[in-house]
Amino acid sequence: MEDLTLDGWIDRYVDFLRMRHYSDGTIANYHRSLRSLSAGLVARAGQGEAVKPAGVTTAALYDHLAAVSEEGHISPRTLNWLVCSYSSFFRFLVTQGAVDMNPADRIERPKVGQTGVRCLKHGQVSRLLRSIDDSRDRLIVRLIYATGVRVSELCGMRVEEVDLDDGMIRVTGKGNKERVVFLDDATADALGEFIGDRTSGPLFTGYGGKPISTRTVQLLFKRCAPEGVTPHTIRHSYASELYRRSRNLRIVQENLGHTSIKTTEIYLHTDLEERREVYRRYFPLASGDDDRGD
């Protein structure tokens, strides 16, 4: 096996991620976190020499995480992600025979509270749509809500991938994975009117006929939506509303394009009225069952 430095293996790992069709954003985040780790380990070694993978211990990773946390006051969730990125990298090194064990596996990960994801009720989304005067902007917001697509997926939509007859759109998600999302009749009608006679090309165009950018969509929301409401908010609203009405978590997962159902679970919200009804029906004090026993 070649006697590569940690930086050399990081380059190999990035090539591996590209081969596995990870998104550019994910690859950039991994590259950034691992380069920071390598630089930190070199600086703490104090000799100015490159670090070899076999020399990285669990204690060294703990020291680096402590330093990063103290310098940047980062959240437990970010620390968790850093540990995950280190673990994935060293797991790759184990498969390549560069190290015998994964030093990140022994790190105790910080606990992250399970937080709900903000979403809007169906009526709130409907009012938002009615408040948007520009027909294209209104269609963009409606399409995110009707299909649950990520903003990057919406920007990448092409006219030839839209099937108005069957009410479907084929989208390309993370890792270049394709899936089909569905349209209601009203959204399909609005989309058909917007497409007109076009038969190919980007569905939503920006400067020079190129696909609309994610930044343009984000600015659209800043201009048209209430403060704090983003494309992700509308995607979450789609997931919450579909699950509330169907109670089919697997379908919601597939429609969102999630690899793991655990990812889907954080999008879901227990309906307030359902909770109230269960409380009133089953809790003894609320249901009038006064316990007069011991």
C-alpha atoms as a PDB file:
ATOM      1  CA  MET A   1       0.000   0.000   0.000  1.00  0.00           C
ATOM      2  CA  GLU A   2       1.270   3.468  -0.879  1.00  0.00           C
ATOM      3  CA  ASP A   3       2.677   5.491   1.998  1.00  0.00           C
ATOM      4  CA  LEU A   4       0.276   8.420   1.581  1.00  0.00           C
ATOM      5  CA  THR A   5      -0.171  11.260   4.028  1.00  0.00           C
ATOM      6  CA  LEU A   6      -3.551  12.098   5.527  1.00  0.00           C
ATOM      7  CA  ASP A   7      -3.992  14.843   2.905  1.00  0.00           C
ATOM      8  CA  GLY A   8      -3.228  12.362   0.157  1.00  0.00           C
ATOM      9  CA  TRP A   9      -5.888   9.996   1.445  1.00  0.00           C
ATOM     10  CA  ILE A  10      -8.363  12.850   1.731  1.00  0.00           C
ATOM     11  CA  ASP A  11      -7.909  13.482  -1.996  1.00  0.00           C
ATOM     12  CA  ARG A  12      -8.484   9.784  -2.648  1.00  0.00           C
ATOM     13  CA  TYR A  13     -11.607   9.838  -0.482  1.00  0.00           C
ATOM     14  CA  VAL A  14     -13.008  12.839  -2.369  1.00  0.00           C
ATOM     15  CA  ASP A  15     -12.487  10.946  -5.637  1.00  0.00           C
ATOM     16  CA  PHE A  16     -14.313   7.988  -4.075  1.00  0.00           C
ATOM     17  CA  LEU A  17     -17.271  10.206  -3.140  1.00  0.00           C
ATOM     18  CA  ARG A  18     -17.432  11.550  -6.687  1.00  0.00           C
ATOM     19  CA  MET A  19     -17.415   8.003  -8.024  1.00  0.00           C
ATOM     20  CA  ARG A  20     -20.355   7.234  -5.716  1.00  0.00           C
ATOM     21  CA  HIS A  21     -22.218  10.237  -7.186  1.00  0.00           C
ATOM     22  CA  TYR A  22     -22.404  12.275  -4.005  1.00  0.00           C
ATOM     23  CA  SER A  23     -23.631  15.822  -4.575  1.00  0.00           C
ATOM     24  CA  ASP A  24     -21.084  18.614  -5.062  1.00  0.00           C
ATOM     25  CA  GLY A  25     -22.255  20.287  -1.860  1.00  0.00           C
ATOM     26  CA  THR A  26     -21.830  17.130   0.228  1.00  0.00           C
ATOM     27  CA  ILE A  27     -18.372  16.487  -1.220  1.00  0.00           C
ATOM     28  CA  ALA A  28     -17.325  20.083  -0.498  1.00  0.00           C
ATOM     29  CA  ASN A  29     -18.490  19.778   3.126  1.00  0.00           C
ATOM     30  CA  TYR A  30     -16.577  16.523   3.643  1.00  0.00           C
ATOM     31  CA  HIS A  31     -13.483  17.966   2.001  1.00  0.00           C
ATOM     32  CA  ARG A  32     -13.632  21.079   4.175  1.00  0.00           C
ATOM     33  CA  SER A  33     -14.071  19.197   7.455  1.00  0.00           C
ATOM     34  CA  LEU A  34     -11.301  16.694   6.689  1.00  0.00           C
ATOM     35  CA  ARG A  35      -8.831  19.362   5.531  1.00  0.00           C
ATOM     36  CA  SER A  36      -9.539  21.243   8.750  1.00  0.00           C
ATOM     37  CA  LEU A  37      -8.893  18.051  10.710  1.00  0.00           C
ATOM     38  CA  SER A  38      -5.592  17.448   8.906  1.00  0.00           C
ATOM     39  CA  ALA A  39      -4.421  21.038   9.446  1.00  0.00           C
ATOM     40  CA  GLY A  40      -5.384  20.870  13.113  1.00  0.00           C
ATOM     41  CA  LEU A  41      -3.525  17.604  13.677  1.00  0.00           C
ATOM     42  CA  VAL A  42      -0.402  18.975  11.963  1.00  0.00           C
ATOM     43  CA  ALA A  43      -0.528  22.154  14.043  1.00  0.00           C
ATOM     44  CA  ARG A  44      -0.923  20.233  17.297  1.00  0.00           C
ATOM     45  CA  ALA A  45       1.921  17.881  16.383  1.00  0.00           C
ATOM     46  CA  GLY A  46       4.120  20.985  16.365  1.00  0.00           C
ATOM     47  CA  GLN A  47       6.648  19.601  13.928  1.00  0.00           C
ATOM     48  CA  GLY A  48       5.248  20.939  10.683  1.00  0.00           C
ATOM     49  CA  GLU A  49       5.248  17.461   9.209  1.00  0.00           C
ATOM     50  CA  ALA A  50       2.396  15.801   7.383  1.00  0.00           C
ATOM     51  CA  VAL A  51       0.313  13.365   9.411  1.00  0.00           C
ATOM     52  CA  LYS A  52      -0.015   9.714   8.414  1.00  0.00           C
ATOM     53  CA  PRO A  53      -3.397   7.967   8.881  1.00  0.00           C
ATOM     54  CA  ALA A  54      -1.966   5.297  11.197  1.00  0.00           C
ATOM     55  CA  GLY A  55      -0.820   8.029  13.569  1.00  0.00           C
ATOM     56  CA  VAL A  56      -4.318   9.422  14.151  1.00  0.00           C
ATOM     57  CA  THR A  57      -5.700   8.245  17.491  1.00  0.00           C
ATOM     58  CA  THR A  58      -9.074   8.642  19.159  1.00  0.00           C
ATOM     59  CA  ALA A  59      -7.445  10.970  21.689  1.00  0.00           C
ATOM     60  CA  ALA A  60      -6.118  13.157  18.869  1.00  0.00           C
ATOM     61  CA  LEU A  61      -9.606  13.403  17.376  1.00  0.00           C
ATOM     62  CA  TYR A  62     -11.038  14.345  20.781  1.00  0.00           C
ATOM     63  CA  ASP A  63      -8.393  17.078  21.175  1.00  0.00           C
ATOM     64  CA  HIS A  64      -9.188  18.460  17.716  1.00  0.00           C
ATOM     65  CA  LEU A  65     -12.947  18.485  18.364  1.00  0.00           C
ATOM     66  CA  ALA A  66     -12.420  20.216  21.700  1.00  0.00           C
ATOM     67  CA  ALA A  67     -10.291  22.898  20.060  1.00  0.00           C
ATOM     68  CA  VAL A  68     -12.766  23.425  17.224  1.00  0.00           C
ATOM     69  CA  SER A  69     -15.665  23.642  19.658  1.00  0.00           C
ATOM     70  CA  GLU A  70     -13.869  26.162  21.856  1.00  0.00           C
ATOM     71  CA  GLU A  71     -12.772  28.330  18.937  1.00  0.00           C
ATOM     72  CA  GLY A  72     -16.081  28.390  17.102  1.00  0.00           C
ATOM     73  CA  HIS A  73     -18.648  27.661  19.828  1.00  0.00           C
ATOM     74  CA  ILE A  74     -20.294  25.159  17.485  1.00  0.00           C
ATOM     75  CA  SER A  75     -23.507  23.332  18.274  1.00  0.00           C
ATOM     76  CA  PRO A  76     -23.840  19.666  19.315  1.00  0.00           C
ATOM     77  CA  ARG A  77     -25.496  18.974  15.970  1.00  0.00           C
ATOM     78  CA  THR A  78     -22.468  20.326  14.079  1.00  0.00           C
ATOM     79  CA  LEU A  79     -20.107  18.344  16.308  1.00  0.00           C
ATOM     80  CA  ASN A  80     -22.146  15.252  15.545  1.00  0.00           C
ATOM     81  CA  TRP A  81     -21.772  15.881  11.832  1.00  0.00           C
ATOM     82  CA  LEU A  82     -18.008  16.332  12.164  1.00  0.00           C
ATOM     83  CA  VAL A  83     -17.705  13.003  13.978  1.00  0.00           C
ATOM     84  CA  CYS A  84     -19.795  11.363  11.245  1.00  0.00           C
ATOM     85  CA  SER A  85     -17.524  12.793   8.542  1.00  0.00           C
ATOM     86  CA  TYR A  86     -14.401  11.537  10.352  1.00  0.00           C
ATOM     87  CA  SER A  87     -15.944   8.119  10.885  1.00  0.00           C
ATOM     88  CA  SER A  88     -16.911   7.805   7.219  1.00  0.00           C
ATOM     89  CA  PHE A  89     -13.408   8.806   6.119  1.00  0.00           C
ATOM     90  CA  PHE A  90     -11.603   6.375   8.420  1.00  0.00           C
ATOM     91  CA  ARG A  91     -14.037   3.598   7.516  1.00  0.00           C
ATOM     92  CA  PHE A  92     -12.891   4.146   3.930  1.00  0.00           C
ATOM     93  CA  LEU A  93      -9.263   3.936   5.075  1.00  0.00           C
ATOM     94  CA  VAL A  94      -9.967   0.617   6.792  1.00  0.00           C
ATOM     95  CA  THR A  95     -11.367  -0.824   3.561  1.00  0.00           C
ATOM     96  CA  GLN A  96      -8.246   0.409   1.735  1.00  0.00           C
ATOM     97  CA  GLY A  97      -5.889  -1.185   4.254  1.00  0.00           C
ATOM     98  CA  ALA A  98      -4.427   2.182   5.275  1.00  0.00           C
ATOM     99  CA  VAL A  99      -5.412   1.716   8.947  1.00  0.00           C
ATOM    100  CA  ASP A 100      -6.417  -1.287  11.050  1.00  0.00           C
ATOM    101  CA  MET A 101      -9.222   0.375  12.983  1.00  0.00           C
ATOM    102  CA  ASN A 102     -11.496   3.394  12.867  1.00  0.00           C
ATOM    103  CA  PRO A 103     -10.457   5.825  15.661  1.00  0.00           C
ATOM    104  CA  ALA A 104     -13.679   7.826  15.258  1.00  0.00           C
ATOM    105  CA  ASP A 105     -15.817   4.845  16.277  1.00  0.00           C
ATOM    106  CA  ARG A 106     -14.741   5.275  19.897  1.00  0.00           C
ATOM    107  CA  ILE A 107     -15.830   8.910  20.121  1.00  0.00           C
ATOM    108  CA  GLU A 108     -18.887   9.453  22.283  1.00  0.00           C
ATOM    109  CA  ARG A 109     -21.130  11.656  20.208  1.00  0.00           C
ATOM    110  CA  PRO A 110     -22.883  14.645  21.811  1.00  0.00           C
ATOM    111  CA  LYS A 111     -26.587  14.223  22.377  1.00  0.00           C
ATOM    112  CA  VAL A 112     -28.730  16.256  20.035  1.00  0.00           C
ATOM    113  CA  GLY A 113     -32.257  17.120  21.058  1.00  0.00           C
ATOM    114  CA  GLN A 114     -34.980  15.908  18.718  1.00  0.00           C
ATOM    115  CA  THR A 115     -36.372  19.135  17.354  1.00  0.00           C
ATOM    116  CA  GLY A 116     -39.382  19.543  15.177  1.00  0.00           C
ATOM    117  CA  VAL A 117     -39.101  21.189  11.793  1.00  0.00           C
ATOM    118  CA  ARG A 118     -41.203  24.262  11.178  1.00  0.00           C
ATOM    119  CA  CYS A 119     -44.075  23.824   8.769  1.00  0.00           C
ATOM    120  CA  LEU A 120     -47.227  25.644   7.723  1.00  0.00           C
ATOM    121  CA  LYS A 121     -50.767  24.352   7.741  1.00  0.00           C
ATOM    122  CA  HIS A 122     -52.505  23.810   4.423  1.00  0.00           C
ATOM    123  CA  GLY A 123     -54.609  26.954   4.842  1.00  0.00           C
ATOM    124  CA  GLN A 124     -51.512  29.046   5.537  1.00  0.00           C
ATOM    125  CA  VAL A 125     -49.829  27.805   2.359  1.00  0.00           C
ATOM    126  CA  SER A 126     -53.010  28.535   0.391  1.00  0.00           C
ATOM    127  CA  ARG A 127     -53.079  32.098   1.708  1.00  0.00           C
ATOM    128  CA  LEU A 128     -49.398  32.510   0.818  1.00  0.00           C
ATOM    129  CA  LEU A 129     -50.091  31.373  -2.753  1.00  0.00           C
ATOM    130  CA  ARG A 130     -53.014  33.799  -3.104  1.00  0.00           C
ATOM    131  CA  SER A 131     -50.794  36.661  -1.929  1.00  0.00           C
ATOM    132  CA  ILE A 132     -48.213  36.184  -4.718  1.00  0.00           C
ATOM    133  CA  ASP A 133     -49.100  38.310  -7.759  1.00  0.00           C
ATOM    134  CA  ASP A 134     -46.488  37.084 -10.228  1.00  0.00           C
ATOM    135  CA  SER A 135     -47.738  33.891 -11.901  1.00  0.00           C
ATOM    136  CA  ARG A 136     -44.281  32.341 -12.297  1.00  0.00           C
ATOM    137  CA  ASP A 137     -43.325  32.988  -8.684  1.00  0.00           C
ATOM    138  CA  ARG A 138     -46.675  31.625  -7.511  1.00  0.00           C
ATOM    139  CA  LEU A 139     -46.153  28.481  -9.617  1.00  0.00           C
ATOM    140  CA  ILE A 140     -42.676  27.926  -8.143  1.00  0.00           C
ATOM    141  CA  VAL A 141     -44.012  28.012  -4.577  1.00  0.00           C
ATOM    142  CA  ARG A 142     -47.035  25.903  -5.524  1.00  0.00           C
ATOM    143  CA  LEU A 143     -44.855  23.301  -7.232  1.00  0.00           C
ATOM    144  CA  ILE A 144     -42.661  22.881  -4.143  1.00  0.00           C
ATOM    145  CA  TYR A 145     -45.778  22.394  -2.013  1.00  0.00           C
ATOM    146  CA  ALA A 146     -47.512  20.102  -4.523  1.00  0.00           C
ATOM    147  CA  THR A 147     -44.520  17.788  -4.946  1.00  0.00           C
ATOM    148  CA  GLY A 148     -42.287  18.223  -1.884  1.00  0.00           C
ATOM    149  CA  VAL A 149     -39.182  18.663  -4.038  1.00  0.00           C
ATOM    150  CA  ARG A 150     -35.963  20.211  -2.807  1.00  0.00           C
ATOM    151  CA  VAL A 151     -35.218  23.662  -4.221  1.00  0.00           C
ATOM    152  CA  SER A 152     -32.202  22.243  -6.091  1.00  0.00           C
ATOM    153  CA  GLU A 153     -34.483  19.637  -7.688  1.00  0.00           C
ATOM    154  CA  LEU A 154     -36.962  22.285  -8.749  1.00  0.00           C
ATOM    155  CA  CYS A 155     -34.191  24.347 -10.356  1.00  0.00           C
ATOM    156  CA  GLY A 156     -33.014  21.282 -12.265  1.00  0.00           C
ATOM    157  CA  MET A 157     -36.445  20.369 -13.670  1.00  0.00           C
ATOM    158  CA  ARG A 158     -36.701  20.137 -17.444  1.00  0.00           C
ATOM    159  CA  VAL A 159     -39.743  20.468 -19.670  1.00  0.00           C
ATOM    160  CA  GLU A 160     -39.211  17.043 -21.242  1.00  0.00           C
ATOM    161  CA  GLU A 161     -39.399  15.406 -17.786  1.00  0.00           C
ATOM    162  CA  VAL A 162     -42.903  16.756 -17.170  1.00  0.00           C
ATOM    163  CA  ASP A 163     -45.782  14.382 -17.970  1.00  0.00           C
ATOM    164  CA  LEU A 164     -48.941  16.465 -17.764  1.00  0.00           C
ATOM    165  CA  ASP A 165     -51.180  13.644 -19.039  1.00  0.00           C
ATOM    166  CA  ASP A 166     -50.353  11.412 -16.071  1.00  0.00           C
ATOM    167  CA  GLY A 167     -49.626  14.264 -13.667  1.00  0.00           C
ATOM    168  CA  MET A 168     -45.991  13.352 -12.967  1.00  0.00           C
ATOM    169  CA  ILE A 169     -42.524  14.875 -13.067  1.00  0.00           C
ATOM    170  CA  ARG A 170     -39.267  12.918 -13.067  1.00  0.00           C
ATOM    171  CA  VAL A 171     -36.734  14.690 -10.847  1.00  0.00           C
ATOM    172  CA  THR A 172     -33.065  14.071 -10.100  1.00  0.00           C
ATOM    173  CA  GLY A 173     -32.250  14.262  -6.407  1.00  0.00           C
ATOM    174  CA  LYS A 174     -29.213  13.791  -4.193  1.00  0.00           C
ATOM    175  CA  GLY A 175     -26.617  11.400  -5.520  1.00  0.00           C
ATOM    176  CA  ASN A 176     -28.166  11.739  -9.004  1.00  0.00           C
ATOM    177  CA  LYS A 177     -30.986   9.437  -7.910  1.00  0.00           C
ATOM    178  CA  GLU A 178     -34.149   9.767  -9.970  1.00  0.00           C
ATOM    179  CA  ARG A 179     -37.678   9.557  -8.646  1.00  0.00           C
ATOM    180  CA  VAL A 180     -41.174  10.484  -9.776  1.00  0.00           C
ATOM    181  CA  VAL A 181     -43.277  13.123  -8.010  1.00  0.00           C
ATOM    182  CA  PHE A 182     -46.959  13.720  -8.601  1.00  0.00           C
ATOM    183  CA  LEU A 183     -49.119  16.706  -9.514  1.00  0.00           C
ATOM    184  CA  ASP A 184     -52.653  17.589  -8.556  1.00  0.00           C
ATOM    185  CA  ASP A 185     -54.924  18.672 -11.419  1.00  0.00           C
ATOM    186  CA  ALA A 186     -54.833  22.389 -10.627  1.00  0.00           C
ATOM    187  CA  THR A 187     -51.031  22.460 -10.424  1.00  0.00           C
ATOM    188  CA  ALA A 188     -50.782  20.436 -13.646  1.00  0.00           C
ATOM    189  CA  ASP A 189     -53.086  22.930 -15.395  1.00  0.00           C
ATOM    190  CA  ALA A 190     -51.030  25.900 -14.193  1.00  0.00           C
ATOM    191  CA  LEU A 191     -47.827  24.149 -15.224  1.00  0.00           C
ATOM    192  CA  GLY A 192     -49.205  23.327 -18.668  1.00  0.00           C
ATOM    193  CA  GLU A 193     -50.166  26.955 -19.232  1.00  0.00           C
ATOM    194  CA  PHE A 194     -46.702  28.052 -18.099  1.00  0.00           C
ATOM    195  CA  ILE A 195     -44.910  25.588 -20.420  1.00  0.00           C
ATOM    196  CA  GLY A 196     -46.990  26.521 -23.437  1.00  0.00           C
ATOM    197  CA  ASP A 197     -45.510  25.191 -26.684  1.00  0.00           C
ATOM    198  CA  ARG A 198     -42.086  24.362 -25.240  1.00  0.00           C
ATOM    199  CA  THR A 199     -40.978  20.739 -25.610  1.00  0.00           C
ATOM    200  CA  SER A 200     -37.519  20.781 -24.011  1.00  0.00           C
ATOM    201  CA  GLY A 201     -35.101  22.823 -21.939  1.00  0.00           C
ATOM    202  CA  PRO A 202     -35.108  24.073 -18.334  1.00  0.00           C
ATOM    203  CA  LEU A 203     -38.581  24.364 -16.848  1.00  0.00           C
ATOM    204  CA  PHE A 204     -37.708  27.628 -15.078  1.00  0.00           C
ATOM    205  CA  THR A 205     -35.091  29.751 -16.798  1.00  0.00           C
ATOM    206  CA  GLY A 206     -32.768  32.458 -15.530  1.00  0.00           C
ATOM    207  CA  TYR A 207     -30.250  34.654 -17.307  1.00  0.00           C
ATOM    208  CA  GLY A 208     -29.260  33.508 -20.787  1.00  0.00           C
ATOM    209  CA  GLY A 209     -31.831  30.739 -20.828  1.00  0.00           C
ATOM    210  CA  LYS A 210     -29.948  28.780 -18.179  1.00  0.00           C
ATOM    211  CA  PRO A 211     -31.810  26.969 -15.367  1.00  0.00           C
ATOM    212  CA  ILE A 212     -32.993  29.223 -12.582  1.00  0.00           C
ATOM    213  CA  SER A 213     -30.580  29.312  -9.626  1.00  0.00           C
ATOM    214  CA  THR A 214     -31.355  28.251  -6.073  1.00  0.00           C
ATOM    215  CA  ARG A 215     -30.360  31.751  -4.988  1.00  0.00           C
ATOM    216  CA  THR A 216     -33.107  33.227  -7.174  1.00  0.00           C
ATOM    217  CA  VAL A 217     -35.704  30.988  -5.515  1.00  0.00           C
ATOM    218  CA  GLN A 218     -34.425  31.899  -2.052  1.00  0.00           C
ATOM    219  CA  LEU A 219     -34.690  35.603  -2.891  1.00  0.00           C
ATOM    220  CA  LEU A 220     -38.212  34.986  -4.202  1.00  0.00           C
ATOM    221  CA  PHE A 221     -39.192  33.653  -0.770  1.00  0.00           C
ATOM    222  CA  LYS A 222     -37.560  36.589   0.989  1.00  0.00           C
ATOM    223  CA  ARG A 223     -39.621  38.903  -1.180  1.00  0.00           C
ATOM    224  CA  CYS A 224     -42.962  37.095  -1.151  1.00  0.00           C
ATOM    225  CA  ALA A 225     -43.152  34.915   1.963  1.00  0.00           C
ATOM    226  CA  PRO A 226     -43.440  35.802   5.659  1.00  0.00           C
ATOM    227  CA  GLU A 227     -40.172  36.092   7.543  1.00  0.00           C
ATOM    228  CA  GLY A 228     -38.658  32.700   8.279  1.00  0.00           C
ATOM    229  CA  VAL A 229     -40.626  30.846   5.607  1.00  0.00           C
ATOM    230  CA  THR A 230     -38.209  29.223   3.161  1.00  0.00           C
ATOM    231  CA  PRO A 231     -38.454  26.615   0.394  1.00  0.00           C
ATOM    232  CA  HIS A 232     -37.567  24.039   3.053  1.00  0.00           C
ATOM    233  CA  THR A 233     -40.535  25.204   5.116  1.00  0.00           C
ATOM    234  CA  ILE A 234     -42.871  24.466   2.219  1.00  0.00           C
ATOM    235  CA  ARG A 235     -41.250  21.064   1.624  1.00  0.00           C
ATOM    236  CA  HIS A 236     -41.730  20.262   5.309  1.00  0.00           C
ATOM    237  CA  SER A 237     -45.334  21.395   5.071  1.00  0.00           C
ATOM    238  CA  TYR A 238     -45.901  18.982   2.188  1.00  0.00           C
ATOM    239  CA  ALA A 239     -44.432  16.095   4.212  1.00  0.00           C
ATOM    240  CA  SER A 240     -46.419  16.913   7.329  1.00  0.00           C
ATOM    241  CA  GLU A 241     -49.725  17.344   5.486  1.00  0.00           C
ATOM    242  CA  LEU A 242     -49.304  14.165   3.417  1.00  0.00           C
ATOM    243  CA  TYR A 243     -48.468  12.096   6.502  1.00  0.00           C
ATOM    244  CA  ARG A 244     -51.261  13.629   8.580  1.00  0.00           C
ATOM    245  CA  ARG A 245     -53.817  12.584   5.982  1.00  0.00           C
ATOM    246  CA  SER A 246     -52.319   9.242   4.893  1.00  0.00           C
ATOM    247  CA  ARG A 247     -50.417   7.949   7.950  1.00  0.00           C
ATOM    248  CA  ASN A 248     -48.119   6.239   5.429  1.00  0.00           C
ATOM    249  CA  LEU A 249     -44.560   7.076   6.422  1.00  0.00           C
ATOM    250  CA  ARG A 250     -43.011   4.919   3.696  1.00  0.00           C
ATOM    251  CA  ILE A 251     -44.823   6.785   0.913  1.00  0.00           C
ATOM    252  CA  VAL A 252     -43.788  10.136   2.394  1.00  0.00           C
ATOM    253  CA  GLN A 253     -40.187   8.911   2.515  1.00  0.00           C
ATOM    254  CA  GLU A 254     -40.234   7.852  -1.142  1.00  0.00           C
ATOM    255  CA  ASN A 255     -41.932  11.062  -2.280  1.00  0.00           C
ATOM    256  CA  LEU A 256     -39.327  13.174  -0.472  1.00  0.00           C
ATOM    257  CA  GLY A 257     -36.440  11.141  -1.878  1.00  0.00           C
ATOM    258  CA  HIS A 258     -35.018  10.158   1.505  1.00  0.00           C
ATOM    259  CA  THR A 259     -32.681   7.176   1.668  1.00  0.00           C
ATOM    260  CA  SER A 260     -33.406   6.607   5.361  1.00  0.00           C
ATOM    261  CA  ILE A 261     -36.820   6.699   6.968  1.00  0.00           C
ATOM    262  CA  LYS A 262     -35.148   8.222  10.051  1.00  0.00           C
ATOM    263  CA  THR A 263     -34.601  11.385   8.012  1.00  0.00           C
ATOM    264  CA  THR A 264     -38.287  11.503   7.145  1.00  0.00           C
ATOM    265  CA  GLU A 265     -39.381  11.258  10.774  1.00  0.00           C
ATOM    266  CA  ILE A 266     -38.020  14.696  11.700  1.00  0.00           C
ATOM    267  CA  TYR A 267     -40.342  16.301   9.136  1.00  0.00           C
ATOM    268  CA  LEU A 268     -43.499  14.970  10.758  1.00  0.00           C
ATOM    269  CA  HIS A 269     -45.667  16.791  13.234  1.00  0.00           C
ATOM    270  CA  THR A 270     -48.376  15.304  15.402  1.00  0.00           C
ATOM    271  CA  ASP A 271     -51.549  17.194  14.662  1.00  0.00           C
ATOM    272  CA  LEU A 272     -52.640  19.415  17.590  1.00  0.00           C
ATOM    273  CA  GLU A 273     -56.314  18.523  17.234  1.00  0.00           C
ATOM    274  CA  GLU A 274     -55.481  14.816  17.172  1.00  0.00           C
ATOM    275  CA  ARG A 275     -53.457  15.184  20.371  1.00  0.00           C
ATOM    276  CA  ARG A 276     -56.280  17.098  22.005  1.00  0.00           C
ATOM    277  CA  GLU A 277     -58.825  14.449  21.004  1.00  0.00           C
ATOM    278  CA  VAL A 278     -56.678  11.594  22.324  1.00  0.00           C
ATOM    279  CA  TYR A 279     -56.133  13.473  25.580  1.00  0.00           C
ATOM    280  CA  ARG A 280     -59.826  14.153  26.082  1.00  0.00           C
ATOM    281  CA  ARG A 281     -60.826  10.620  25.171  1.00  0.00           C
ATOM    282  CA  TYR A 282     -58.284   8.645  27.178  1.00  0.00           C
ATOM    283  CA  PHE A 283     -56.797  10.672  30.021  1.00  0.00           C
ATOM    284  CA  PRO A 284     -58.907   9.943  33.139  1.00  0.00           C
ATOM    285  CA  LEU A 285     -59.251  13.492  34.446  1.00  0.00           C
ATOM    286  CA  ALA A 286     -60.102  14.896  31.015  1.00  0.00           C
ATOM    287  CA  SER A 287     -62.610  12.101  30.332  1.00  0.00           C
ATOM    288  CA  GLY A 288     -64.370  12.597  33.668  1.00  0.00           C
ATOM    289  CA  ASP A 289     -63.182   9.387  35.320  1.00  0.00           C
ATOM    290  CA  ASP A 290     -62.445  10.587  38.833  1.00  0.00           C
ATOM    291  CA  ASP A 291     -60.302   8.022  40.616  1.00  0.00           C
ATOM    292  CA  ARG A 292     -61.877   7.586  44.065  1.00  0.00           C
ATOM    293  CA  GLY A 293     -59.727   4.608  45.015  1.00  0.00           C
ATOM    294  CA  ASP A 294     -56.613   4.604  47.194  1.00  0.00           C
END
